[in-house]
Protein backbone atom coordinates (compact mmCIF):
# COMPACT_ATOMS: atom_id res chain seq x y z
CA MET A 1 19.03 0.58 -3.49
CA LEU A 2 16.33 2.16 -5.70
CA GLU A 3 16.37 5.91 -6.28
CA ILE A 4 13.65 7.60 -8.31
CA THR A 5 14.03 11.35 -8.83
CA ASN A 6 11.44 13.69 -10.36
CA LEU A 7 9.94 10.96 -12.55
CA ARG A 8 7.36 12.17 -15.05
CA LYS A 9 5.30 10.10 -17.47
CA THR A 10 2.42 11.24 -19.69
CA PHE A 11 0.13 9.53 -22.18
CA PRO A 12 -1.75 10.91 -25.20
CA GLY A 13 -5.19 12.33 -24.50
CA SER A 14 -8.48 11.24 -26.07
CA LYS A 15 -8.85 10.62 -29.81
CA ARG A 16 -10.47 14.03 -30.17
CA ASN A 17 -7.61 15.79 -28.42
CA ARG A 18 -4.41 13.76 -28.80
CA SER A 19 -2.25 16.80 -28.15
CA GLN A 20 -3.61 17.16 -24.62
CA ARG A 21 -1.30 14.87 -22.65
CA VAL A 22 -2.57 13.02 -19.58
CA VAL A 23 -0.12 13.08 -16.67
CA ALA A 24 0.16 9.59 -15.15
CA VAL A 25 3.24 10.16 -12.97
CA ASP A 26 3.95 13.72 -11.87
CA GLU A 27 7.46 14.48 -10.58
CA VAL A 28 7.57 11.40 -8.31
CA SER A 29 10.65 10.92 -6.11
CA LEU A 30 11.24 8.03 -3.71
CA THR A 31 13.96 5.90 -2.15
CA VAL A 32 13.83 2.17 -1.42
CA GLU A 33 16.47 0.85 0.97
CA GLN A 34 18.23 -2.51 0.70
CA GLY A 35 16.05 -5.38 1.96
CA GLU A 36 12.83 -3.35 2.12
CA LEU A 37 9.44 -4.31 0.79
CA PHE A 38 8.23 -0.94 -0.46
CA THR A 39 4.59 -0.71 -1.50
CA LEU A 40 3.00 1.71 -3.93
CA LEU A 41 -0.61 1.90 -2.76
CA GLY A 42 -3.50 3.77 -4.29
CA PRO A 43 -6.76 3.59 -6.25
CA SER A 44 -7.00 2.69 -9.93
CA GLY A 45 -5.45 5.33 -12.15
CA CYS A 46 -3.22 6.87 -9.48
CA GLY A 47 0.03 6.06 -11.33
CA LYS A 48 1.37 3.22 -9.20
CA THR A 49 1.63 0.60 -11.95
CA THR A 50 2.97 3.16 -14.43
CA THR A 51 5.72 4.03 -11.94
CA LEU A 52 6.59 0.33 -11.58
CA ARG A 53 6.63 -0.17 -15.35
CA CYS A 54 8.94 2.82 -15.74
CA VAL A 55 11.38 1.16 -13.32
CA ALA A 56 11.09 -2.12 -15.26
CA GLY A 57 11.74 -0.39 -18.59
CA LEU A 58 8.30 -1.25 -19.98
CA GLU A 59 7.26 2.42 -20.12
CA HIS A 60 9.39 5.33 -21.25
CA PRO A 61 9.13 8.41 -19.01
CA GLU A 62 9.72 11.89 -20.38
CA ALA A 63 11.78 13.15 -17.46
CA GLY A 64 13.52 12.13 -14.26
CA GLU A 65 16.07 9.58 -13.17
CA ILE A 66 15.94 5.94 -12.05
CA ALA A 67 18.92 4.19 -10.44
CA VAL A 68 19.28 0.76 -8.83
CA GLY A 69 22.28 0.05 -6.62
CA GLY A 70 24.03 3.16 -7.92
CA ARG A 71 23.58 2.07 -11.56
CA THR A 72 21.56 4.51 -13.65
CA LEU A 73 18.79 2.82 -15.63
CA PHE A 74 17.17 5.99 -16.93
CA SER A 75 18.18 9.64 -16.96
CA SER A 76 16.53 12.28 -19.10
CA THR A 77 19.40 14.66 -18.30
CA ASP A 78 22.21 12.29 -19.32
CA GLY A 79 20.31 10.59 -22.15
CA ILE A 80 20.44 7.14 -20.53
CA ARG A 81 17.63 4.68 -21.25
CA LEU A 82 18.43 1.00 -20.73
CA ARG A 83 16.06 -1.49 -22.28
CA ALA A 84 14.07 -3.82 -20.02
CA ASN A 85 16.32 -6.82 -20.76
CA GLU A 86 19.41 -4.75 -19.91
CA ARG A 87 18.22 -3.76 -16.43
CA GLY A 88 18.55 -7.17 -14.77
CA LEU A 89 15.38 -6.79 -12.68
CA GLY A 90 12.83 -9.45 -11.76
CA MET A 91 9.12 -8.89 -12.27
CA VAL A 92 5.94 -10.76 -11.31
CA PHE A 93 2.93 -9.67 -13.34
CA GLN A 94 -0.68 -9.53 -12.24
CA SER A 95 -1.57 -12.26 -14.77
CA TYR A 96 1.55 -14.35 -13.86
CA ALA A 97 2.28 -14.82 -17.64
CA ILE A 98 3.07 -18.52 -17.17
CA TRP A 99 4.06 -20.28 -20.40
CA PRO A 100 1.39 -22.98 -20.82
CA HIS A 101 3.40 -25.23 -23.18
CA MET A 102 6.22 -25.68 -20.64
CA ASN A 103 6.43 -27.60 -17.42
CA VAL A 104 7.35 -25.98 -14.12
CA LEU A 105 11.09 -26.54 -14.42
CA LYS A 106 11.28 -25.19 -17.98
CA ASN A 107 9.23 -22.11 -17.06
CA VAL A 108 11.77 -21.19 -14.40
CA ALA A 109 14.81 -22.12 -16.50
CA PHE A 110 13.74 -20.15 -19.57
CA PRO A 111 15.06 -16.70 -18.47
CA LEU A 112 18.51 -18.24 -17.95
CA GLU A 113 18.45 -20.20 -21.21
CA VAL A 114 17.78 -17.12 -23.36
CA LEU A 115 20.65 -15.08 -21.93
CA PRO A 116 23.44 -14.15 -24.37
CA ARG A 117 26.01 -16.93 -24.62
CA SER A 118 28.60 -14.85 -22.76
CA ARG A 119 26.30 -14.55 -19.71
CA ARG A 120 24.48 -17.88 -19.93
CA PRO A 121 25.26 -20.39 -17.14
CA SER A 122 26.08 -23.99 -17.99
CA ARG A 123 23.23 -26.51 -18.19
CA LYS A 124 24.35 -27.94 -14.88
CA ASP A 125 24.34 -24.52 -13.20
CA ILE A 126 20.93 -23.71 -14.68
CA ARG A 127 19.52 -26.96 -13.31
CA GLU A 128 21.00 -26.31 -9.87
CA ARG A 129 19.69 -22.73 -9.71
CA VAL A 130 16.22 -23.78 -10.85
CA GLU A 131 16.02 -26.62 -8.34
CA ARG A 132 17.22 -24.31 -5.58
CA VAL A 133 14.64 -21.61 -6.26
CA LEU A 134 11.83 -24.16 -6.70
CA SER A 135 12.73 -25.53 -3.29
CA VAL A 136 12.55 -22.03 -1.80
CA VAL A 137 8.99 -21.51 -3.12
CA GLN A 138 8.03 -25.09 -2.17
CA LEU A 139 7.48 -26.31 -5.73
CA GLY A 140 10.42 -28.70 -5.97
CA HIS A 141 8.16 -31.76 -5.99
CA LEU A 142 6.21 -30.34 -8.95
CA ALA A 143 9.16 -29.62 -11.25
CA ASP A 144 7.92 -31.96 -14.01
CA ARG A 145 4.27 -30.94 -13.84
CA GLN A 146 2.71 -28.87 -16.62
CA ALA A 147 2.33 -25.26 -15.56
CA THR A 148 -1.36 -25.22 -16.49
CA ASP A 149 -2.02 -28.06 -14.04
CA LEU A 150 -1.03 -25.91 -11.06
CA SER A 151 -3.48 -24.21 -8.72
CA GLY A 152 -3.71 -20.42 -8.58
CA GLY A 153 -1.43 -20.21 -5.56
CA GLN A 154 1.10 -22.55 -7.15
CA GLN A 155 1.12 -20.53 -10.37
CA GLN A 156 1.77 -17.41 -8.33
CA ARG A 157 4.76 -19.09 -6.68
CA LEU A 158 5.97 -20.31 -10.07
CA ALA A 159 5.93 -16.75 -11.41
CA LEU A 160 7.87 -15.66 -8.33
CA ALA A 161 10.44 -18.45 -8.82
CA ARG A 162 10.93 -17.43 -12.45
CA ALA A 163 11.65 -13.86 -11.33
CA LEU A 164 14.00 -14.94 -8.53
CA VAL A 165 16.09 -17.40 -10.58
CA MET A 166 17.88 -14.46 -12.22
CA GLU A 167 18.99 -13.32 -8.74
CA PRO A 168 17.88 -9.74 -9.46
CA PRO A 169 18.98 -6.83 -7.27
CA LEU A 170 15.36 -5.60 -7.26
CA LEU A 171 12.07 -7.51 -7.51
CA LEU A 172 8.99 -5.77 -8.94
CA LEU A 173 5.53 -7.14 -8.12
CA ASP A 174 2.44 -5.80 -9.89
CA GLU A 175 -0.64 -6.82 -7.86
CA PRO A 176 0.46 -10.49 -7.86
CA LEU A 177 -2.29 -11.67 -5.48
CA SER A 178 -5.30 -9.96 -7.05
CA ASN A 179 -6.39 -13.03 -9.05
CA LEU A 180 -6.55 -15.32 -6.00
CA ASP A 181 -9.61 -15.97 -3.86
CA ALA A 182 -9.79 -14.22 -0.48
CA LYS A 183 -8.53 -17.09 1.70
CA LEU A 184 -5.67 -18.05 -0.61
CA ARG A 185 -4.74 -14.39 -1.01
CA GLU A 186 -4.37 -14.09 2.76
CA GLU A 187 -2.18 -17.22 2.91
CA MET A 188 0.04 -16.07 0.04
CA ARG A 189 0.35 -12.61 1.58
CA TYR A 190 2.27 -14.07 4.52
CA GLU A 191 4.15 -16.54 2.33
CA LEU A 192 5.43 -13.73 0.12
CA LYS A 193 6.45 -11.67 3.13
CA ARG A 194 8.29 -14.66 4.62
CA LEU A 195 10.22 -15.26 1.40
CA GLN A 196 11.08 -11.59 1.05
CA ARG A 197 12.37 -11.43 4.62
CA ASP A 198 14.24 -14.75 4.59
CA LEU A 199 15.96 -14.06 1.26
CA HIS A 200 16.63 -10.37 2.06
CA ILE A 201 14.96 -9.36 -1.20
CA THR A 202 14.52 -5.70 -2.06
CA ALA A 203 11.06 -5.40 -3.59
CA VAL A 204 8.63 -2.81 -4.91
CA TYR A 205 5.06 -4.02 -4.57
CA VAL A 206 2.01 -2.47 -6.25
CA THR A 207 -1.49 -2.93 -4.86
CA HIS A 208 -4.81 -1.18 -4.31
CA ASP A 209 -5.56 -3.45 -1.33
CA GLN A 210 -5.02 -1.51 1.91
CA VAL A 211 -4.96 -4.62 4.13
CA GLU A 212 -2.38 -6.24 1.87
CA ALA A 213 -0.18 -3.16 2.04
CA LEU A 214 -0.44 -2.83 5.82
CA ALA A 215 0.30 -6.53 6.40
CA MET A 216 3.27 -6.90 4.06
CA SER A 217 5.13 -3.62 3.77
CA ASN A 218 8.12 -2.10 5.50
CA ILE A 219 7.29 1.24 3.88
CA ILE A 220 4.14 2.42 2.08
CA ALA A 221 3.82 5.26 -0.42
CA VAL A 222 0.18 6.29 -0.89
CA MET A 223 -0.37 7.65 -4.41
CA ARG A 224 -3.09 9.92 -5.75
CA ALA A 225 -3.43 11.39 -9.25
CA GLY A 226 0.19 10.74 -10.18
CA ASN A 227 1.64 12.13 -6.94
CA ILE A 228 2.83 10.61 -3.68
CA GLU A 229 0.48 11.75 -0.93
CA GLN A 230 2.36 10.25 2.04
CA VAL A 231 5.29 7.92 2.69
CA GLY A 232 5.79 6.08 5.96
CA ARG A 233 5.69 2.85 7.91
CA PRO A 234 2.31 1.06 7.93
CA ARG A 235 1.47 2.05 11.51
CA GLU A 236 2.40 5.67 10.84
CA ILE A 237 0.27 5.80 7.69
CA TYR A 238 -2.68 4.27 9.53
CA ASP A 239 -2.49 6.17 12.82
CA ARG A 240 -1.12 9.48 11.53
CA PRO A 241 -2.51 10.16 8.04
CA SER A 242 -1.26 13.42 6.56
CA SER A 243 -4.42 14.14 4.57
CA ARG A 244 -8.10 13.33 4.47
CA PHE A 245 -7.53 11.26 1.34
CA VAL A 246 -5.00 9.00 3.10
CA ALA A 247 -7.19 8.64 6.20
CA ASP A 248 -10.21 7.76 4.07
CA PHE A 249 -8.37 5.42 1.69
CA ILE A 250 -6.54 3.46 4.39
CA GLY A 251 -9.29 1.79 6.40
CA THR A 252 -12.26 3.74 7.80
CA SER A 253 -12.17 7.06 9.65
CA ASN A 254 -14.52 9.45 11.38
CA PHE A 255 -14.00 13.07 10.31
CA ILE A 256 -14.97 15.96 12.58
CA ASN A 257 -14.57 19.56 11.39
CA GLY A 258 -13.18 21.99 13.93
CA THR A 259 -11.04 25.01 14.75
CA ILE A 260 -7.81 25.15 16.73
CA LYS A 261 -8.46 26.83 20.09
CA ARG A 262 -4.95 26.56 21.47
CA GLY A 263 -1.91 24.33 21.75
CA GLU A 264 -1.61 22.23 24.89
CA GLY A 265 1.91 20.92 25.16
CA GLU A 266 4.00 19.13 22.58
CA ASP A 267 1.97 18.13 19.49
CA VAL A 268 -1.37 18.36 21.39
CA TYR A 269 -4.11 20.83 20.46
CA LEU A 270 -7.50 21.69 21.91
CA VAL A 271 -10.06 21.79 19.10
CA THR A 272 -13.53 23.33 19.18
CA THR A 273 -16.27 21.75 17.06
CA ASP A 274 -20.02 22.22 16.65
CA HIS A 275 -20.53 19.28 19.01
CA GLY A 276 -18.01 19.97 21.75
CA GLU A 277 -14.30 20.22 22.39
CA MET A 278 -11.70 17.50 21.87
CA ARG A 279 -7.95 17.12 22.00
CA ALA A 280 -5.96 15.84 19.06
CA THR A 281 -2.32 15.43 18.10
CA SER A 282 -0.24 16.54 15.13
CA SER A 283 3.44 16.75 14.29
CA VAL A 284 2.57 19.78 12.12
CA ASP A 285 2.22 23.19 13.78
CA PHE A 286 -1.22 24.81 13.63
CA PRO A 287 -1.92 28.43 14.64
CA ALA A 288 -4.92 29.41 16.76
CA ASN A 289 -8.19 29.64 14.78
CA ALA A 290 -6.88 27.39 12.00
CA LYS A 291 -9.54 25.25 10.33
CA VAL A 292 -8.80 21.57 10.85
CA VAL A 293 -10.36 18.12 10.57
CA VAL A 294 -10.01 15.61 13.39
CA SER A 295 -9.64 12.02 12.15
CA ILE A 296 -10.23 9.07 14.46
CA ARG A 297 -10.63 5.40 13.58
CA PRO A 298 -13.86 3.62 14.68
CA GLU A 299 -11.90 1.09 16.76
CA HIS A 300 -10.37 3.94 18.78
CA VAL A 301 -13.72 5.43 19.79
CA GLU A 302 -14.60 4.16 23.27
CA LEU A 303 -18.29 3.51 23.89
CA ASP A 304 -20.09 3.26 27.25
CA LYS A 305 -23.77 2.99 28.08
CA GLY A 306 -25.34 6.10 29.57
CA ALA A 307 -24.97 9.71 28.51
CA THR A 308 -22.44 11.99 30.17
CA ALA A 309 -24.02 14.82 32.16
CA VAL A 310 -22.05 17.53 30.35
CA ASN A 311 -19.94 17.19 27.20
CA SER A 312 -16.27 17.81 27.99
CA ALA A 313 -13.11 17.73 25.91
CA GLY A 314 -13.00 14.30 24.29
CA LYS A 315 -16.10 12.95 26.04
CA TRP A 316 -19.47 13.44 24.32
CA SER A 317 -23.02 12.13 24.66
CA GLY A 318 -24.72 10.38 21.77
CA THR A 319 -27.41 7.90 20.80
CA VAL A 320 -26.88 4.57 19.03
CA GLN A 321 -28.69 4.54 15.68
CA THR A 322 -27.72 1.12 14.31
CA ARG A 323 -25.35 -1.72 15.07
CA ALA A 324 -23.90 -4.48 12.91
CA PHE A 325 -22.27 -7.74 14.04
CA LEU A 326 -19.10 -8.31 11.99
CA GLY A 327 -17.86 -11.50 13.66
CA GLU A 328 -14.72 -10.27 15.40
CA SER A 329 -16.30 -6.90 16.21
CA VAL A 330 -19.53 -4.91 16.44
CA ASP A 331 -19.99 -1.69 14.47
CA HIS A 332 -22.14 1.01 16.05
CA VAL A 333 -23.38 4.14 14.29
CA VAL A 334 -23.86 6.84 16.93
CA SER A 335 -25.48 10.24 16.41
CA VAL A 336 -24.15 13.32 18.19
CA GLY A 337 -26.60 16.01 17.13
CA ASP A 338 -26.53 15.98 13.32
CA LEU A 339 -23.14 14.22 13.25
CA GLU A 340 -22.93 10.44 12.76
CA LEU A 341 -19.87 8.61 14.06
CA ARG A 342 -18.81 4.98 13.85
CA ALA A 343 -17.52 3.12 16.91
CA ARG A 344 -16.15 -0.42 16.62
CA SER A 345 -15.91 -2.61 19.71
CA ASN A 346 -15.43 -6.26 20.60
CA PRO A 347 -18.57 -8.44 20.52
CA SER A 348 -18.96 -8.29 24.31
CA VAL A 349 -19.85 -4.59 23.93
CA SER A 350 -23.00 -4.68 21.82
CA ILE A 351 -25.34 -1.77 22.52
CA PRO A 352 -28.85 -1.78 21.01
CA PRO A 353 -30.25 1.12 18.95
CA ASP A 354 -31.86 4.10 20.73
CA THR A 355 -29.53 3.68 23.72
CA ASP A 356 -27.87 6.82 25.10
CA VAL A 357 -24.11 6.42 25.29
CA THR A 358 -20.91 8.29 26.11
CA LEU A 359 -18.22 8.45 23.43
CA THR A 360 -14.62 8.96 24.51
CA PHE A 361 -11.95 10.09 22.04
CA PRO A 362 -8.40 9.40 23.35
CA GLU A 363 -6.25 12.36 22.30
CA THR A 364 -3.38 10.12 21.20
CA MET A 365 -5.71 8.43 18.70
CA CYS A 366 -7.09 11.69 17.25
CA SER A 367 -5.10 13.07 14.31
CA LEU A 368 -5.29 16.59 12.95
CA ILE A 369 -5.58 17.19 9.21
CA PRO A 370 -5.61 20.62 7.53
CA GLY A 371 -9.18 21.76 7.04
CA ASP A 372 -8.68 22.72 3.40
CA ASP A 373 -7.46 19.22 2.45
């Protein structure tokens, strides 16, 4: 559906050095399949919104190619650069950009009413399409209400309806939930996903919110400094990060420096560390003596009262330093020598500070990352 190839976009440097261009998107390539919700995830300044705006036609890249459904929207090689209004895409902005002087129905109808006469539907067809899309986003009963009288969640759905009424082949969403409060954001997260799935919409979604990305996406591309760091399904990104940056940005991880001792079967390695041995998995081949980092999520660290007699591979002794009740879980900070690790357990396992414990690291939950990452 969407093909981006070697996309590059730069901006002028500071006022003192305008000739020094700042690279915002650096040779980015990605593919979005029909019906997918594809998320560009990353911190501020990583290039995710610039990439989206290049697809929309709101930014002009210097190089690369963008195609939707086999139709080329931009190609530096062939000299193709369609304007935003020629691309036929739908977009929901972070600010919603609702027209305050119009009611709900007129806000949604406006994109159809300003089409060239040759492409403009009849008034009857416009009314039918608007009513249909308002029904889909559950705003049909508010068609005559002023847009400014809507709640934040309703305005978000209005912006979505306005984008969908054009029946675009691709929907672009630029952090559409960031202006909502936490509870409403969670509700709208699932509402958006339901609409996307039910209507078989192909969408590119931009966010810096890791939970949002994990909950909504079919595929996630984690971006860093204008590059794509890793692409994969949410569970793959979370459980098998390809770099320390991805592991640290998506959720919380413990990092343990080590050296490969030997391979032990398919994708399993025995790792030596300053605190003991442990087994970890990787789909990437590592030679013996390679420097690595073992990444394991706090919720995957098993905690039991009482120290183990002798540290063995994946089973170490430690001492609880602090604990914090988080409602649905308890966070423990455990020291193993000079190393501090976090272990997250259900509230029934709450171990007080200064208690000796045994930490168990399941090998299937331990991921290997190159040590020079």
